PDB file of N, CA and C in Angstrom:
ATOM      1  N   MET A   1      86.968  96.797 105.262  1.00  0.00           N
ATOM      2  CA  MET A   1      87.915  97.052 105.211  1.00  0.00           C
ATOM      3  C   MET A   1      89.448  96.481 106.073  1.00  0.00           C
ATOM      4  N   ILE A   2      88.947  95.670 107.210  1.00  0.00           N
ATOM      5  CA  ILE A   2      89.749  94.882 108.331  1.00  0.00           C
ATOM      6  C   ILE A   2      90.118  93.869 107.749  1.00  0.00           C
ATOM      7  N   GLY A   3      89.067  93.423 106.519  1.00  0.00           N
ATOM      8  CA  GLY A   3      88.821  92.228 106.279  1.00  0.00           C
ATOM      9  C   GLY A   3      89.153  92.026 104.459  1.00  0.00           C
ATOM     10  N   PHE A   4      89.321  93.193 104.339  1.00  0.00           N
ATOM     11  CA  PHE A   4      90.672  93.297 103.436  1.00  0.00           C
ATOM     12  C   PHE A   4      91.937  93.417 103.043  1.00  0.00           C
ATOM     13  N   ILE A   5      92.163  94.256 104.262  1.00  0.00           N
ATOM     14  CA  ILE A   5      93.375  94.115 105.060  1.00  0.00           C
ATOM     15  C   ILE A   5      94.282  92.339 105.278  1.00  0.00           C
ATOM     16  N   VAL A   6      93.143  91.115 106.297  1.00  0.00           N
ATOM     17  CA  VAL A   6      93.312  90.280 106.150  1.00  0.00           C
ATOM     18  C   VAL A   6      93.896  89.024 104.889  1.00  0.00           C
ATOM     19  N   ALA A   7      92.531  89.829 104.063  1.00  0.00           N
ATOM     20  CA  ALA A   7      92.511  88.685 103.049  1.00  0.00           C
ATOM     21  C   ALA A   7      93.820  89.046 101.748  1.00  0.00           C
ATOM     22  N   GLY A   8      94.473  90.469 101.806  1.00  0.00           N
ATOM     23  CA  GLY A   8      95.169  89.948 101.514  1.00  0.00           C
ATOM     24  C   GLY A   8      97.055  90.243 101.905  1.00  0.00           C
ATOM     25  N   LEU A   9      97.020  89.405 103.278  1.00  0.00           N
ATOM     26  CA  LEU A   9      97.913  89.491 103.806  1.00  0.00           C
ATOM     27  C   LEU A   9      97.985  87.801 104.051  1.00  0.00           C
ATOM     28  N   ILE A  10      97.002  87.383 103.420  1.00  0.00           N
ATOM     29  CA  ILE A  10      96.574  85.723 103.456  1.00  0.00           C
ATOM     30  C   ILE A  10      96.943  85.679 102.071  1.00  0.00           C
ATOM     31  N   ILE A  11      96.750  86.564 100.694  1.00  0.00           N
ATOM     32  CA  ILE A  11      97.221  86.586  99.682  1.00  0.00           C
ATOM     33  C   ILE A  11      98.326  86.014  99.308  1.00  0.00           C
ATOM     34  N   GLY A  12      99.059  87.799 100.352  1.00  0.00           N
ATOM     35  CA  GLY A  12     100.586  87.374  99.883  1.00  0.00           C
ATOM     36  C   GLY A  12     101.470  86.959 100.359  1.00  0.00           C
ATOM     37  N   ALA A  13     101.050  85.972 101.113  1.00  0.00           N
ATOM     38  CA  ALA A  13     101.598  84.970 102.040  1.00  0.00           C
ATOM     39  C   ALA A  13     101.877  83.808 100.869  1.00  0.00           C
ATOM     40  N   LEU A  14     100.095  83.348 100.405  1.00  0.00           N
ATOM     41  CA  LEU A  14     100.388  82.010  99.735  1.00  0.00           C
ATOM     42  C   LEU A  14     100.967  82.005  98.650  1.00  0.00           C
ATOM     43  N   ALA A  15     101.615  83.694  97.793  1.00  0.00           N
ATOM     44  CA  ALA A  15     101.792  84.358  97.009  1.00  0.00           C
ATOM     45  C   ALA A  15     103.649  83.625  97.202  1.00  0.00           C
ATOM     46  N   ARG A  16     104.307  83.791  98.663  1.00  0.00           N
ATOM     47  CA  ARG A  16     105.670  83.795  98.925  1.00  0.00           C
ATOM     48  C   ARG A  16     105.465  82.458  99.097  1.00  0.00           C
ATOM     49  N   LEU A  17     104.617  81.367  99.288  1.00  0.00           N
ATOM     50  CA  LEU A  17     104.918  80.377  99.348  1.00  0.00           C
ATOM     51  C   LEU A  17     105.510  79.312  98.447  1.00  0.00           C
ATOM     52  N   ILE A  18     104.177  80.163  97.662  1.00  0.00           N
ATOM     53  CA  ILE A  18     104.293  79.495  96.061  1.00  0.00           C
ATOM     54  C   ILE A  18     105.715  79.392  95.055  1.00  0.00           C
ATOM     55  N   LYS A  19     106.188  80.780  95.282  1.00  0.00           N
ATOM     56  CA  LYS A  19     107.081  81.173  94.576  1.00  0.00           C
ATOM     57  C   LYS A  19     108.203  80.820  95.106  1.00  0.00           C
ATOM     58  N   PRO A  20     108.988  79.692  94.467  1.00  0.00           N
ATOM     59  CA  PRO A  20     110.503  79.342  94.373  1.00  0.00           C
ATOM     60  C   PRO A  20     111.447  79.897  94.752  1.00  0.00           C
ATOM     61  N   GLY A  21     112.418  80.490  96.105  1.00  0.00           N
ATOM     62  CA  GLY A  21     113.302  81.062  96.322  1.00  0.00           C
ATOM     63  C   GLY A  21     113.140  81.387  97.344  1.00  0.00           C
ATOM     64  N   LYS A  22     114.739  82.762  98.199  1.00  0.00           N
ATOM     65  CA  LYS A  22     113.742  82.968  99.498  1.00  0.00           C
ATOM     66  C   LYS A  22     113.075  84.331  99.593  1.00  0.00           C
ATOM     67  N   GLN A  23     112.244  84.948  99.892  1.00  0.00           N
ATOM     68  CA  GLN A  23     112.354  86.567  99.343  1.00  0.00           C
ATOM     69  C   GLN A  23     112.622  87.512  99.882  1.00  0.00           C
ATOM     70  N   ASN A  24     113.230  88.186  99.959  1.00  0.00           N
ATOM     71  CA  ASN A  24     113.641  89.369 100.916  1.00  0.00           C
ATOM     72  C   ASN A  24     112.616  90.471 100.904  1.00  0.00           C
ATOM     73  N   LEU A  25     111.525  90.270 101.668  1.00  0.00           N
ATOM     74  CA  LEU A  25     109.892  91.469 101.464  1.00  0.00           C
ATOM     75  C   LEU A  25     109.728  91.364 103.064  1.00  0.00           C
ATOM     76  N   SER A  26     109.960  92.340 103.623  1.00  0.00           N
ATOM     77  CA  SER A  26     109.104  92.251 105.167  1.00  0.00           C
ATOM     78  C   SER A  26     107.815  92.161 105.204  1.00  0.00           C
ATOM     79  N   VAL A  27     107.355  92.084 105.660  1.00  0.00           N
ATOM     80  CA  VAL A  27     105.813  91.981 106.422  1.00  0.00           C
ATOM     81  C   VAL A  27     104.809  92.828 105.425  1.00  0.00           C
ATOM     82  N   ILE A  28     105.214  93.913 105.828  1.00  0.00           N
ATOM     83  CA  ILE A  28     104.551  94.674 104.906  1.00  0.00           C
ATOM     84  C   ILE A  28     105.080  95.113 103.729  1.00  0.00           C
ATOM     85  N   ALA A  29     105.549  94.316 103.162  1.00  0.00           N
ATOM     86  CA  ALA A  29     105.608  94.877 101.477  1.00  0.00           C
ATOM     87  C   ALA A  29     105.260  93.361 101.055  1.00  0.00           C
ATOM     88  N   THR A  30     104.647  92.247 101.908  1.00  0.00           N
ATOM     89  CA  THR A  30     103.348  91.347 101.689  1.00  0.00           C
ATOM     90  C   THR A  30     102.453  91.375 101.544  1.00  0.00           C
ATOM     91  N   LEU A  31     101.881  92.327 102.724  1.00  0.00           N
ATOM     92  CA  LEU A  31     100.640  92.723 103.137  1.00  0.00           C
ATOM     93  C   LEU A  31     100.431  93.936 101.424  1.00  0.00           C
ATOM     94  N   LEU A  32     101.623  95.197 101.197  1.00  0.00           N
ATOM     95  CA  LEU A  32     100.959  96.285 100.135  1.00  0.00           C
ATOM     96  C   LEU A  32     100.808  94.950  99.083  1.00  0.00           C
ATOM     97  N   LEU A  33     101.862  93.829  98.331  1.00  0.00           N
ATOM     98  CA  LEU A  33     101.579  92.965  97.593  1.00  0.00           C
ATOM     99  C   LEU A  33     100.562  92.341  97.328  1.00  0.00           C
ATOM    100  N   GLY A  34     100.110  91.440  98.325  1.00  0.00           N
ATOM    101  CA  GLY A  34      98.818  91.052  98.422  1.00  0.00           C
ATOM    102  C   GLY A  34      97.709  91.525  98.335  1.00  0.00           C
ATOM    103  N   LEU A  35      97.626  93.199  99.100  1.00  0.00           N
ATOM    104  CA  LEU A  35      96.776  93.442  98.346  1.00  0.00           C
ATOM    105  C   LEU A  35      95.937  94.143  96.589  1.00  0.00           C
ATOM    106  N   VAL A  36      97.782  94.794  96.689  1.00  0.00           N
ATOM    107  CA  VAL A  36      97.403  94.814  95.355  1.00  0.00           C
ATOM    108  C   VAL A  36      97.039  94.074  94.046  1.00  0.00           C
ATOM    109  N   GLY A  37      97.959  92.811  94.249  1.00  0.00           N
ATOM    110  CA  GLY A  37      97.284  91.318  93.995  1.00  0.00           C
ATOM    111  C   GLY A  37      96.018  91.191  94.209  1.00  0.00           C
ATOM    112  N   SER A  38      95.226  91.646  95.343  1.00  0.00           N
ATOM    113  CA  SER A  38      93.597  90.911  95.682  1.00  0.00           C
ATOM    114  C   SER A  38      92.829  91.880  94.998  1.00  0.00           C
ATOM    115  N   VAL A  39      92.981  93.260  94.689  1.00  0.00           N
ATOM    116  CA  VAL A  39      92.541  94.258  94.083  1.00  0.00           C
ATOM    117  C   VAL A  39      92.184  94.188  92.098  1.00  0.00           C
ATOM    118  N   ILE A  40      93.548  93.152  91.413  1.00  0.00           N
ATOM    119  CA  ILE A  40      93.557  92.883  90.289  1.00  0.00           C
ATOM    120  C   ILE A  40      92.755  91.718  90.113  1.00  0.00           C
ATOM    121  N   GLY A  41      92.580  90.654  91.181  1.00  0.00           N
ATOM    122  CA  GLY A  41      92.165  89.356  90.926  1.00  0.00           C
ATOM    123  C   GLY A  41      90.496  89.164  90.913  1.00  0.00           C
ATOM    124  N   GLY A  42      90.330  91.006  92.158  1.00  0.00           N
ATOM    125  CA  GLY A  42      88.749  91.788  92.025  1.00  0.00           C
ATOM    126  C   GLY A  42      88.327  91.817  90.823  1.00  0.00           C
ATOM    127  N   THR A  43      89.539  93.038  89.848  1.00  0.00           N
ATOM    128  CA  THR A  43      89.417  93.415  88.839  1.00  0.00           C
ATOM    129  C   THR A  43      88.668  93.234  87.835  1.00  0.00           C
ATOM    130  N   ILE A  44      89.225  91.831  87.672  1.00  0.00           N
ATOM    131  CA  ILE A  44      89.548  90.741  86.615  1.00  0.00           C
ATOM    132  C   ILE A  44      87.994  89.972  86.742  1.00  0.00           C
ATOM    133  N   ALA A  45      87.842  89.328  88.160  1.00  0.00           N
ATOM    134  CA  ALA A  45      86.453  88.417  88.606  1.00  0.00           C
ATOM    135  C   ALA A  45      85.521  89.163  87.758  1.00  0.00           C
ATOM    136  N   ASN A  46      85.189  90.798  88.126  1.00  0.00           N
ATOM    137  CA  ASN A  46      84.652  91.634  88.040  1.00  0.00           C
ATOM    138  C   ASN A  46      83.961  91.265  86.134  1.00  0.00           C
ATOM    139  N   VAL A  47      84.939  92.142  85.688  1.00  0.00           N
ATOM    140  CA  VAL A  47      85.467  92.076  84.727  1.00  0.00           C
ATOM    141  C   VAL A  47      84.932  90.734  83.662  1.00  0.00           C
ATOM    142  N   LEU A  48      84.951  89.681  84.007  1.00  0.00           N
ATOM    143  CA  LEU A  48      84.772  88.021  83.778  1.00  0.00           C
ATOM    144  C   LEU A  48      83.151  87.879  84.505  1.00  0.00           C
ATOM    145  N   GLY A  49      82.609  88.777  85.028  1.00  0.00           N
ATOM    146  CA  GLY A  49      81.296  88.725  85.966  1.00  0.00           C
ATOM    147  C   GLY A  49      80.977  87.693  86.648  1.00  0.00           C
ATOM    148  N   THR A  50      82.344  87.867  87.483  1.00  0.00           N
ATOM    149  CA  THR A  50      81.881  86.138  88.608  1.00  0.00           C
ATOM    150  C   THR A  50      82.001  87.098  89.873  1.00  0.00           C
ATOM    151  N   GLY A  51      81.833  88.674  90.139  1.00  0.00           N
ATOM    152  CA  GLY A  51      82.222  89.104  91.289  1.00  0.00           C
ATOM    153  C   GLY A  51      81.973  90.702  91.074  1.00  0.00           C
ATOM    154  N   ASP A  52      81.780  91.242  92.426  1.00  0.00           N
ATOM    155  CA  ASP A  52      82.324  92.772  92.611  1.00  0.00           C
ATOM    156  C   ASP A  52      84.214  92.856  92.388  1.00  0.00           C
ATOM    157  N   VAL A  53      83.866  94.211  92.476  1.00  0.00           N
ATOM    158  CA  VAL A  53      85.545  94.295  92.997  1.00  0.00           C
ATOM    159  C   VAL A  53      86.027  93.641  94.465  1.00  0.00           C
ATOM    160  N   PHE A  54      85.808  94.476  94.969  1.00  0.00           N
ATOM    161  CA  PHE A  54      85.926  93.532  96.110  1.00  0.00           C
ATOM    162  C   PHE A  54      85.021  92.960  96.972  1.00  0.00           C
ATOM    163  N   GLU A  55      85.004  91.787  96.721  1.00  0.00           N
ATOM    164  CA  GLU A  55      83.602  90.698  97.090  1.00  0.00           C
ATOM    165  C   GLU A  55      84.495  89.625  96.545  1.00  0.00           C
ATOM    166  N   LEU A  56      85.075  89.273  97.854  1.00  0.00           N
ATOM    167  CA  LEU A  56      85.483  87.439  97.887  1.00  0.00           C
ATOM    168  C   LEU A  56      85.017  86.295  96.546  1.00  0.00           C
ATOM    169  N   ASN A  57      85.941  85.903  95.869  1.00  0.00           N
ATOM    170  CA  ASN A  57      85.453  84.735  94.790  1.00  0.00           C
ATOM    171  C   ASN A  57      86.184  83.691  94.839  1.00  0.00           C
ATOM    172  N   VAL A  58      86.233  82.784  94.286  1.00  0.00           N
ATOM    173  CA  VAL A  58      86.349  81.680  94.069  1.00  0.00           C
ATOM    174  C   VAL A  58      87.956  82.174  92.779  1.00  0.00           C
ATOM    175  N   LEU A  59      86.927  82.910  91.684  1.00  0.00           N
ATOM    176  CA  LEU A  59      88.293  83.424  90.997  1.00  0.00           C
ATOM    177  C   LEU A  59      88.903  83.793  90.988  1.00  0.00           C
ATOM    178  N   GLY A  60      88.489  85.092  91.454  1.00  0.00           N
ATOM    179  CA  GLY A  60      88.998  86.590  92.781  1.00  0.00           C
ATOM    180  C   GLY A  60      90.067  86.157  93.629  1.00  0.00           C
ATOM    181  N   PHE A  61      89.952  84.999  93.782  1.00  0.00           N
ATOM    182  CA  PHE A  61      90.918  84.390  94.686  1.00  0.00           C
ATOM    183  C   PHE A  61      92.096  83.976  94.120  1.00  0.00           C
ATOM    184  N   ILE A  62      91.717  82.928  93.019  1.00  0.00           N
ATOM    185  CA  ILE A  62      93.429  82.579  92.090  1.00  0.00           C
ATOM    186  C   ILE A  62      93.267  83.766  91.127  1.00  0.00           C
ATOM    187  N   VAL A  63      92.337  84.142  90.415  1.00  0.00           N
ATOM    188  CA  VAL A  63      93.928  85.738  90.442  1.00  0.00           C
ATOM    189  C   VAL A  63      94.613  86.655  90.797  1.00  0.00           C
ATOM    190  N   ALA A  64      94.554  86.810  91.821  1.00  0.00           N
ATOM    191  CA  ALA A  64      95.108  87.843  92.840  1.00  0.00           C
ATOM    192  C   ALA A  64      96.115  86.906  93.308  1.00  0.00           C
ATOM    193  N   VAL A  65      96.309  85.479  93.695  1.00  0.00           N
ATOM    194  CA  VAL A  65      97.113  84.912  94.244  1.00  0.00           C
ATOM    195  C   VAL A  65      98.015  84.984  92.630  1.00  0.00           C
ATOM    196  N   ILE A  66      98.287  84.455  91.962  1.00  0.00           N
ATOM    197  CA  ILE A  66      98.969  84.861  90.919  1.00  0.00           C
ATOM    198  C   ILE A  66      99.443  85.760  90.366  1.00  0.00           C
ATOM    199  N   ALA A  67      98.055  86.284  90.112  1.00  0.00           N
ATOM    200  CA  ALA A  67      99.202  88.813  90.795  1.00  0.00           C
ATOM    201  C   ALA A  67      99.977  88.753  91.364  1.00  0.00           C
ATOM    202  N   SER A  68      99.808  88.252  92.691  1.00  0.00           N
ATOM    203  CA  SER A  68     100.458  88.296  93.668  1.00  0.00           C
ATOM    204  C   SER A  68     101.797  88.044  93.695  1.00  0.00           C
ATOM    205  N   VAL A  69     102.146  86.634  93.380  1.00  0.00           N
ATOM    206  CA  VAL A  69     103.212  86.014  93.151  1.00  0.00           C
ATOM    207  C   VAL A  69     103.754  86.563  91.808  1.00  0.00           C
ATOM    208  N   LEU A  70     103.176  87.044  90.951  1.00  0.00           N
ATOM    209  CA  LEU A  70     104.067  87.609  89.450  1.00  0.00           C
ATOM    210  C   LEU A  70     104.614  89.462  90.544  1.00  0.00           C
ATOM    211  N   LEU A  71     103.594  90.539  91.528  1.00  0.00           N
ATOM    212  CA  LEU A  71     104.479  90.956  92.179  1.00  0.00           C
ATOM    213  C   LEU A  71     105.386  90.935  92.905  1.00  0.00           C
ATOM    214  N   ILE A  72     104.801  89.522  93.353  1.00  0.00           N
ATOM    215  CA  ILE A  72     106.838  89.202  94.368  1.00  0.00           C
ATOM    216  C   ILE A  72     107.923  89.303  93.369  1.00  0.00           C
ATOM    217  N   GLY A  73     107.752  88.600  92.651  1.00  0.00           N
ATOM    218  CA  GLY A  73     108.724  88.868  91.419  1.00  0.00           C
ATOM    219  C   GLY A  73     109.261  89.863  90.938  1.00  0.00           C
ATOM    220  N   VAL A  74     108.220  90.965  90.011  1.00  0.00           N
ATOM    221  CA  VAL A  74     108.906  92.178  89.975  1.00  0.00           C
ATOM    222  C   VAL A  74     109.382  92.578  91.067  1.00  0.00           C
ATOM    223  N   ALA A  75     109.052  93.231  91.858  1.00  0.00           N
ATOM    224  CA  ALA A  75     109.306  93.351  93.187  1.00  0.00           C
ATOM    225  C   ALA A  75     111.102  92.759  93.310  1.00  0.00           C
ATOM    226  N   GLU A  76     111.391  91.272  94.031  1.00  0.00           N
ATOM    227  CA  GLU A  76     112.813  90.659  93.205  1.00  0.00           C
ATOM    228  C   GLU A  76     112.928  91.136  92.570  1.00  0.00           C
ATOM    229  N   GLY A  77     112.464  91.442  91.417  1.00  0.00           N
ATOM    230  CA  GLY A  77     113.759  92.544  90.127  1.00  0.00           C
ATOM    231  C   GLY A  77     114.363  93.430  90.678  1.00  0.00           C
ATOM    232  N   LEU A  78     113.009  94.599  91.163  1.00  0.00           N
ATOM    233  CA  LEU A  78     113.804  95.576  91.463  1.00  0.00           C
ATOM    234  C   LEU A  78     114.409  95.998  92.489  1.00  0.00           C
ATOM    235  N   SER A  79     114.448  94.972  93.420  1.00  0.00           N
ATOM    236  CA  SER A  79     115.503  95.017  94.859  1.00  0.00           C
ATOM    237  C   SER A  79     116.719  94.516  94.696  1.00  0.00           C
ATOM    238  N   GLY A  80     116.854  93.903  93.278  1.00  0.00           N
ATOM    239  CA  GLY A  80     117.889  93.216  93.214  1.00  0.00           C
ATOM    240  C   GLY A  80     118.524  93.918  91.997  1.00  0.00           C
ATOM    241  N   ASN A  81     117.747  94.380  91.370  1.00  0.00           N
ATOM    242  CA  ASN A  81     118.679  96.033  90.070  1.00  0.00           C
ATOM    243  C   ASN A  81     119.019  96.701  91.261  1.00  0.00           C
ATOM    244  N   ARG A  82     118.456  97.578  92.289  1.00  0.00           N
ATOM    245  CA  ARG A  82     119.233  98.456  93.245  1.00  0.00           C
ATOM    246  C   ARG A  82     120.244  97.787  93.912  1.00  0.00           C
ATOM    247  N   ARG A  83     120.396  96.513  94.247  1.00  0.00           N
ATOM    248  CA  ARG A  83     121.349  96.614  95.120  1.00  0.00           C
ATOM    249  C   ARG A  83     122.725  95.593  93.922  1.00  0.00           C
ATOM    250  N   SER A  84     122.461  95.125  92.896  1.00  0.00           N
ATOM    251  CA  SER A  84     123.501  95.188  92.614  1.00  0.00           C
ATOM    252  C   SER A  84     123.997  96.472  91.615  1.00  0.00           C
ATOM    253  N   SER A  85     122.949  97.811  91.652  1.00  0.00           N
ATOM    254  CA  SER A  85     124.350  98.476  91.026  1.00  0.00           C
ATOM    255  C   SER A  85     124.874  99.638  92.041  1.00  0.00           C
ATOM    256  N   VAL A  86     124.236  99.292  93.576  1.00  0.00           N
ATOM    257  CA  VAL A  86     124.934  99.848  94.236  1.00  0.00           C
ATOM    258  C   VAL A  86     126.565  98.929  94.727  1.00  0.00           C
ATOM    259  N   ARG A  87     126.804  97.920  94.559  1.00  0.00           N
ATOM    260  CA  ARG A  87     128.519  97.324  94.545  1.00  0.00           C
ATOM    261  C   ARG A  87     129.022  97.396  93.691  1.00  0.00           C
TER     262      ARG A  87
END
């Protein structure tokens, strides 16, 4: 479980480095998005037959980072909508 959290934090941090621009996300949000991205990556790797959902492999890691980048974009879009509607 601790390894899963550490992997989620690493994946989330990599996704933030890859995504251009400044993200207004906390460390907790980065961790959560990384965890969700790692589950998505593991699920896709499992469907493709390269490993288990919670098993760390190259394809799952790459897909997890891509999914996390997309999730960060969605989170930014949702937080941007909230800020613009308040103003």
